[in-house]
Amino acid sequence: AAVVVATIRAIKFHGGVKRKNLSEPNVEAVKKGIVNLEKHLENTKKFGMKSIVAINKFVTDTEEEINIVKDFVKKLGFEVSVVEFFTKGGDGGLELAEKVVDMIESDVCKLNNLYDWKAPVKDKIFKIAHEIYGAEAVDYSAEAKKTLKQIEKHGSLKDCNV
């Protein structure tokens, strides 16, 4: 299982809120910034991982903001749990722990590698850039090209003079 930890603050930040204003309620920023969390969840699926979202609750988070995230995550088909370790200690994570245990006991994880381990390094880099970050191409600096040639020649970085 994979636990994706999210905060309302980070979601609002991705929704365009300045750092100094993250403690202020902002439902619209949550709605706008939640696509970042969606991308992380999409990426966990690519690895065949069963995932649960842990919303790390801050005292400044509103119930409305939390419910937007919970509803969104559930609509995507993921489990979600609000954790309150800061204010409740270990008790603040019991629901999450129970959900993770249930997930592990009931679901079989079919871990998928994102790329073929035997593929050339450039192919692996492109696969990660494309699948995880949405890149259409990868540009290499002169130094990176030199390093890649060394890897191709020697089979690994440990035998290179870089």
C-alpha atoms as a PDB file:
ATOM      1  CA  ALA A   1       0.000   0.000   0.000  1.00  0.00           C
ATOM      2  CA  ALA A   2       1.064   3.571  -0.509  1.00  0.00           C
ATOM      3  CA  VAL A   3       0.012   6.444   1.734  1.00  0.00           C
ATOM      4  CA  VAL A   4      -0.144   9.792  -0.044  1.00  0.00           C
ATOM      5  CA  VAL A   5       0.031  12.538   2.562  1.00  0.00           C
ATOM      6  CA  ALA A   6      -1.732  15.765   1.652  1.00  0.00           C
ATOM      7  CA  THR A   7      -2.342  19.005   3.480  1.00  0.00           C
ATOM      8  CA  ILE A   8      -4.977  21.608   2.803  1.00  0.00           C
ATOM      9  CA  ARG A   9      -2.161  24.163   2.979  1.00  0.00           C
ATOM     10  CA  ALA A  10      -0.226  22.482   0.142  1.00  0.00           C
ATOM     11  CA  ILE A  11      -3.366  22.122  -1.947  1.00  0.00           C
ATOM     12  CA  LYS A  12      -4.147  25.830  -1.476  1.00  0.00           C
ATOM     13  CA  PHE A  13      -0.538  26.677  -2.363  1.00  0.00           C
ATOM     14  CA  HIS A  14      -0.946  24.753  -5.627  1.00  0.00           C
ATOM     15  CA  GLY A  15      -4.192  26.667  -6.081  1.00  0.00           C
ATOM     16  CA  GLY A  16      -2.258  29.942  -6.150  1.00  0.00           C
ATOM     17  CA  VAL A  17      -2.356  31.096  -2.519  1.00  0.00           C
ATOM     18  CA  LYS A  18       0.757  32.864  -1.275  1.00  0.00           C
ATOM     19  CA  ARG A  19       2.612  31.201   1.593  1.00  0.00           C
ATOM     20  CA  LYS A  20       1.745  33.986   4.046  1.00  0.00           C
ATOM     21  CA  ASN A  21      -2.004  33.449   3.396  1.00  0.00           C
ATOM     22  CA  LEU A  22      -2.169  29.651   3.654  1.00  0.00           C
ATOM     23  CA  SER A  23      -3.772  29.752   7.098  1.00  0.00           C
ATOM     24  CA  GLU A  24      -6.766  31.687   5.766  1.00  0.00           C
ATOM     25  CA  PRO A  25      -9.808  29.704   4.556  1.00  0.00           C
ATOM     26  CA  ASN A  26      -9.963  29.551   0.760  1.00  0.00           C
ATOM     27  CA  VAL A  27     -12.348  27.008  -0.737  1.00  0.00           C
ATOM     28  CA  GLU A  28     -11.737  28.161  -4.306  1.00  0.00           C
ATOM     29  CA  ALA A  29      -7.980  27.635  -3.973  1.00  0.00           C
ATOM     30  CA  VAL A  30      -8.618  24.113  -2.658  1.00  0.00           C
ATOM     31  CA  LYS A  31     -10.814  23.365  -5.674  1.00  0.00           C
ATOM     32  CA  LYS A  32      -8.180  24.776  -8.014  1.00  0.00           C
ATOM     33  CA  GLY A  33      -5.124  23.195  -6.378  1.00  0.00           C
ATOM     34  CA  ILE A  34      -6.539  19.716  -5.922  1.00  0.00           C
ATOM     35  CA  VAL A  35      -5.383  18.736  -9.416  1.00  0.00           C
ATOM     36  CA  ASN A  36      -1.875  18.409  -7.967  1.00  0.00           C
ATOM     37  CA  LEU A  37      -3.092  15.708  -5.576  1.00  0.00           C
ATOM     38  CA  GLU A  38      -4.971  14.085  -8.444  1.00  0.00           C
ATOM     39  CA  LYS A  39      -1.703  13.791 -10.403  1.00  0.00           C
ATOM     40  CA  HIS A  40       0.044  12.106  -7.470  1.00  0.00           C
ATOM     41  CA  LEU A  41      -2.795   9.601  -7.193  1.00  0.00           C
ATOM     42  CA  GLU A  42      -2.704   8.985 -10.934  1.00  0.00           C
ATOM     43  CA  ASN A  43       1.013   8.246 -10.609  1.00  0.00           C
ATOM     44  CA  THR A  44       0.506   5.717  -7.809  1.00  0.00           C
ATOM     45  CA  LYS A  45      -1.906   3.839 -10.054  1.00  0.00           C
ATOM     46  CA  LYS A  46       0.808   3.560 -12.708  1.00  0.00           C
ATOM     47  CA  PHE A  47       2.854   1.505 -10.272  1.00  0.00           C
ATOM     48  CA  GLY A  48      -0.104  -0.762  -9.476  1.00  0.00           C
ATOM     49  CA  MET A  49      -0.108   0.429  -5.889  1.00  0.00           C
ATOM     50  CA  LYS A  50      -3.149   0.494  -3.670  1.00  0.00           C
ATOM     51  CA  SER A  51      -3.238   3.970  -2.193  1.00  0.00           C
ATOM     52  CA  ILE A  52      -4.867   5.838   0.615  1.00  0.00           C
ATOM     53  CA  VAL A  53      -4.810   9.584   1.110  1.00  0.00           C
ATOM     54  CA  ALA A  54      -3.940  10.881   4.568  1.00  0.00           C
ATOM     55  CA  ILE A  55      -5.052  14.476   5.025  1.00  0.00           C
ATOM     56  CA  ASN A  56      -2.659  15.883   7.621  1.00  0.00           C
ATOM     57  CA  LYS A  57      -4.990  18.289   9.389  1.00  0.00           C
ATOM     58  CA  PHE A  58      -3.805  21.706  10.559  1.00  0.00           C
ATOM     59  CA  VAL A  59      -5.785  23.698  13.135  1.00  0.00           C
ATOM     60  CA  THR A  60      -6.468  26.339  10.469  1.00  0.00           C
ATOM     61  CA  ASP A  61      -8.148  23.877   8.074  1.00  0.00           C
ATOM     62  CA  THR A  62     -11.898  24.267   7.776  1.00  0.00           C
ATOM     63  CA  GLU A  63     -14.330  21.363   7.616  1.00  0.00           C
ATOM     64  CA  GLU A  64     -15.515  22.637   4.233  1.00  0.00           C
ATOM     65  CA  GLU A  65     -11.966  22.529   2.830  1.00  0.00           C
ATOM     66  CA  ILE A  66     -11.376  19.058   4.254  1.00  0.00           C
ATOM     67  CA  ASN A  67     -14.695  17.772   2.910  1.00  0.00           C
ATOM     68  CA  ILE A  68     -13.884  19.037  -0.591  1.00  0.00           C
ATOM     69  CA  VAL A  69     -10.688  16.992  -0.568  1.00  0.00           C
ATOM     70  CA  LYS A  70     -12.335  13.936   0.997  1.00  0.00           C
ATOM     71  CA  ASP A  71     -15.171  13.948  -1.545  1.00  0.00           C
ATOM     72  CA  PHE A  72     -12.760  14.456  -4.440  1.00  0.00           C
ATOM     73  CA  VAL A  73     -10.498  11.603  -3.331  1.00  0.00           C
ATOM     74  CA  LYS A  74     -13.435   9.242  -2.803  1.00  0.00           C
ATOM     75  CA  LYS A  75     -14.846  10.153  -6.229  1.00  0.00           C
ATOM     76  CA  LEU A  76     -11.508   9.057  -7.717  1.00  0.00           C
ATOM     77  CA  GLY A  77     -11.906   5.709  -5.963  1.00  0.00           C
ATOM     78  CA  PHE A  78      -9.319   6.117  -3.208  1.00  0.00           C
ATOM     79  CA  GLU A  79      -9.608   5.670   0.534  1.00  0.00           C
ATOM     80  CA  VAL A  80      -9.092   8.789   2.633  1.00  0.00           C
ATOM     81  CA  SER A  81      -8.430   9.478   6.279  1.00  0.00           C
ATOM     82  CA  VAL A  82      -7.923  12.694   8.221  1.00  0.00           C
ATOM     83  CA  VAL A  83      -4.936  12.452  10.552  1.00  0.00           C
ATOM     84  CA  GLU A  84      -4.369  14.680  13.548  1.00  0.00           C
ATOM     85  CA  PHE A  85      -1.006  13.587  14.915  1.00  0.00           C
ATOM     86  CA  PHE A  86      -0.019  17.108  15.975  1.00  0.00           C
ATOM     87  CA  THR A  87      -3.050  17.666  18.211  1.00  0.00           C
ATOM     88  CA  LYS A  88      -3.880  14.080  19.218  1.00  0.00           C
ATOM     89  CA  GLY A  89      -0.577  12.210  19.031  1.00  0.00           C
ATOM     90  CA  GLY A  90      -0.759   8.585  17.961  1.00  0.00           C
ATOM     91  CA  ASP A  91      -4.521   8.511  18.513  1.00  0.00           C
ATOM     92  CA  GLY A  92      -4.801  11.012  15.672  1.00  0.00           C
ATOM     93  CA  GLY A  93      -3.700   8.352  13.197  1.00  0.00           C
ATOM     94  CA  LEU A  94      -5.609   5.277  14.363  1.00  0.00           C
ATOM     95  CA  GLU A  95      -8.222   5.457  11.603  1.00  0.00           C
ATOM     96  CA  LEU A  96      -5.479   5.713   8.978  1.00  0.00           C
ATOM     97  CA  ALA A  97      -3.623   2.744  10.480  1.00  0.00           C
ATOM     98  CA  GLU A  98      -6.781   0.643  10.480  1.00  0.00           C
ATOM     99  CA  LYS A  99      -7.536   1.538   6.864  1.00  0.00           C
ATOM    100  CA  VAL A 100      -3.986   0.697   5.769  1.00  0.00           C
ATOM    101  CA  VAL A 101      -4.140  -2.670   7.525  1.00  0.00           C
ATOM    102  CA  ASP A 102      -7.550  -3.404   5.967  1.00  0.00           C
ATOM    103  CA  MET A 103      -6.213  -2.436   2.545  1.00  0.00           C
ATOM    104  CA  ILE A 104      -3.179  -4.667   2.895  1.00  0.00           C
ATOM    105  CA  GLU A 105      -5.223  -7.608   4.115  1.00  0.00           C
ATOM    106  CA  SER A 106      -7.934  -7.337   1.459  1.00  0.00           C
ATOM    107  CA  ASP A 107      -6.130  -6.175  -1.688  1.00  0.00           C
ATOM    108  CA  VAL A 108      -3.302  -7.740  -3.612  1.00  0.00           C
ATOM    109  CA  CYS A 109      -0.767  -5.188  -4.720  1.00  0.00           C
ATOM    110  CA  LYS A 110       0.467  -5.824  -8.212  1.00  0.00           C
ATOM    111  CA  LEU A 111       3.567  -3.664  -8.253  1.00  0.00           C
ATOM    112  CA  ASN A 112       4.403  -2.644 -11.793  1.00  0.00           C
ATOM    113  CA  ASN A 113       7.746  -1.270 -12.812  1.00  0.00           C
ATOM    114  CA  LEU A 114       7.351   1.909 -14.764  1.00  0.00           C
ATOM    115  CA  TYR A 115      10.014   0.831 -17.252  1.00  0.00           C
ATOM    116  CA  ASP A 116      12.032  -2.201 -18.269  1.00  0.00           C
ATOM    117  CA  TRP A 117      15.049  -2.405 -15.953  1.00  0.00           C
ATOM    118  CA  LYS A 118      17.213  -3.532 -18.868  1.00  0.00           C
ATOM    119  CA  ALA A 119      16.266  -0.568 -21.057  1.00  0.00           C
ATOM    120  CA  PRO A 120      18.876   2.062 -21.922  1.00  0.00           C
ATOM    121  CA  VAL A 121      19.198   4.890 -19.384  1.00  0.00           C
ATOM    122  CA  LYS A 122      17.849   7.476 -21.834  1.00  0.00           C
ATOM    123  CA  ASP A 123      14.711   5.374 -22.315  1.00  0.00           C
ATOM    124  CA  LYS A 124      14.235   5.120 -18.551  1.00  0.00           C
ATOM    125  CA  ILE A 125      14.673   8.867 -18.102  1.00  0.00           C
ATOM    126  CA  PHE A 126      12.172   9.607 -20.855  1.00  0.00           C
ATOM    127  CA  LYS A 127       9.656   7.136 -19.429  1.00  0.00           C
ATOM    128  CA  ILE A 128       9.791   8.815 -16.014  1.00  0.00           C
ATOM    129  CA  ALA A 129       9.696  12.322 -17.495  1.00  0.00           C
ATOM    130  CA  HIS A 130       6.754  11.435 -19.729  1.00  0.00           C
ATOM    131  CA  GLU A 131       4.668   9.227 -17.436  1.00  0.00           C
ATOM    132  CA  ILE A 132       5.205  11.001 -14.121  1.00  0.00           C
ATOM    133  CA  TYR A 133       5.772  14.618 -15.158  1.00  0.00           C
ATOM    134  CA  GLY A 134       3.949  14.764 -18.513  1.00  0.00           C
ATOM    135  CA  ALA A 135       7.035  15.773 -20.509  1.00  0.00           C
ATOM    136  CA  GLU A 136       7.000  15.362 -24.256  1.00  0.00           C
ATOM    137  CA  ALA A 137      10.785  15.390 -24.572  1.00  0.00           C
ATOM    138  CA  VAL A 138      13.953  15.478 -22.494  1.00  0.00           C
ATOM    139  CA  ASP A 139      16.817  17.858 -23.221  1.00  0.00           C
ATOM    140  CA  TYR A 140      20.285  17.058 -21.919  1.00  0.00           C
ATOM    141  CA  SER A 141      23.122  19.409 -21.060  1.00  0.00           C
ATOM    142  CA  ALA A 142      26.521  18.715 -22.618  1.00  0.00           C
ATOM    143  CA  GLU A 143      27.716  17.280 -19.296  1.00  0.00           C
ATOM    144  CA  ALA A 144      24.682  14.989 -19.036  1.00  0.00           C
ATOM    145  CA  LYS A 145      25.239  13.741 -22.604  1.00  0.00           C
ATOM    146  CA  LYS A 146      28.852  12.982 -21.714  1.00  0.00           C
ATOM    147  CA  THR A 147      27.777  11.057 -18.622  1.00  0.00           C
ATOM    148  CA  LEU A 148      25.191   9.073 -20.602  1.00  0.00           C
ATOM    149  CA  LYS A 149      27.860   8.093 -23.140  1.00  0.00           C
ATOM    150  CA  GLN A 150      30.077   6.909 -20.288  1.00  0.00           C
ATOM    151  CA  ILE A 151      27.231   4.842 -18.867  1.00  0.00           C
ATOM    152  CA  GLU A 152      26.514   3.301 -22.262  1.00  0.00           C
ATOM    153  CA  LYS A 153      30.204   2.469 -22.656  1.00  0.00           C
ATOM    154  CA  HIS A 154      30.775   1.044 -19.165  1.00  0.00           C
ATOM    155  CA  GLY A 155      27.322  -0.251 -18.262  1.00  0.00           C
ATOM    156  CA  SER A 156      26.982   1.754 -15.052  1.00  0.00           C
ATOM    157  CA  LEU A 157      27.987   4.983 -13.367  1.00  0.00           C
ATOM    158  CA  LYS A 158      30.272   3.304 -10.842  1.00  0.00           C
ATOM    159  CA  ASP A 159      32.843   2.536 -13.580  1.00  0.00           C
ATOM    160  CA  CYS A 160      32.728   6.033 -15.107  1.00  0.00           C
ATOM    161  CA  ASN A 161      35.125   8.913 -14.573  1.00  0.00           C
ATOM    162  CA  VAL A 162      32.458  11.531 -13.951  1.00  0.00           C
END
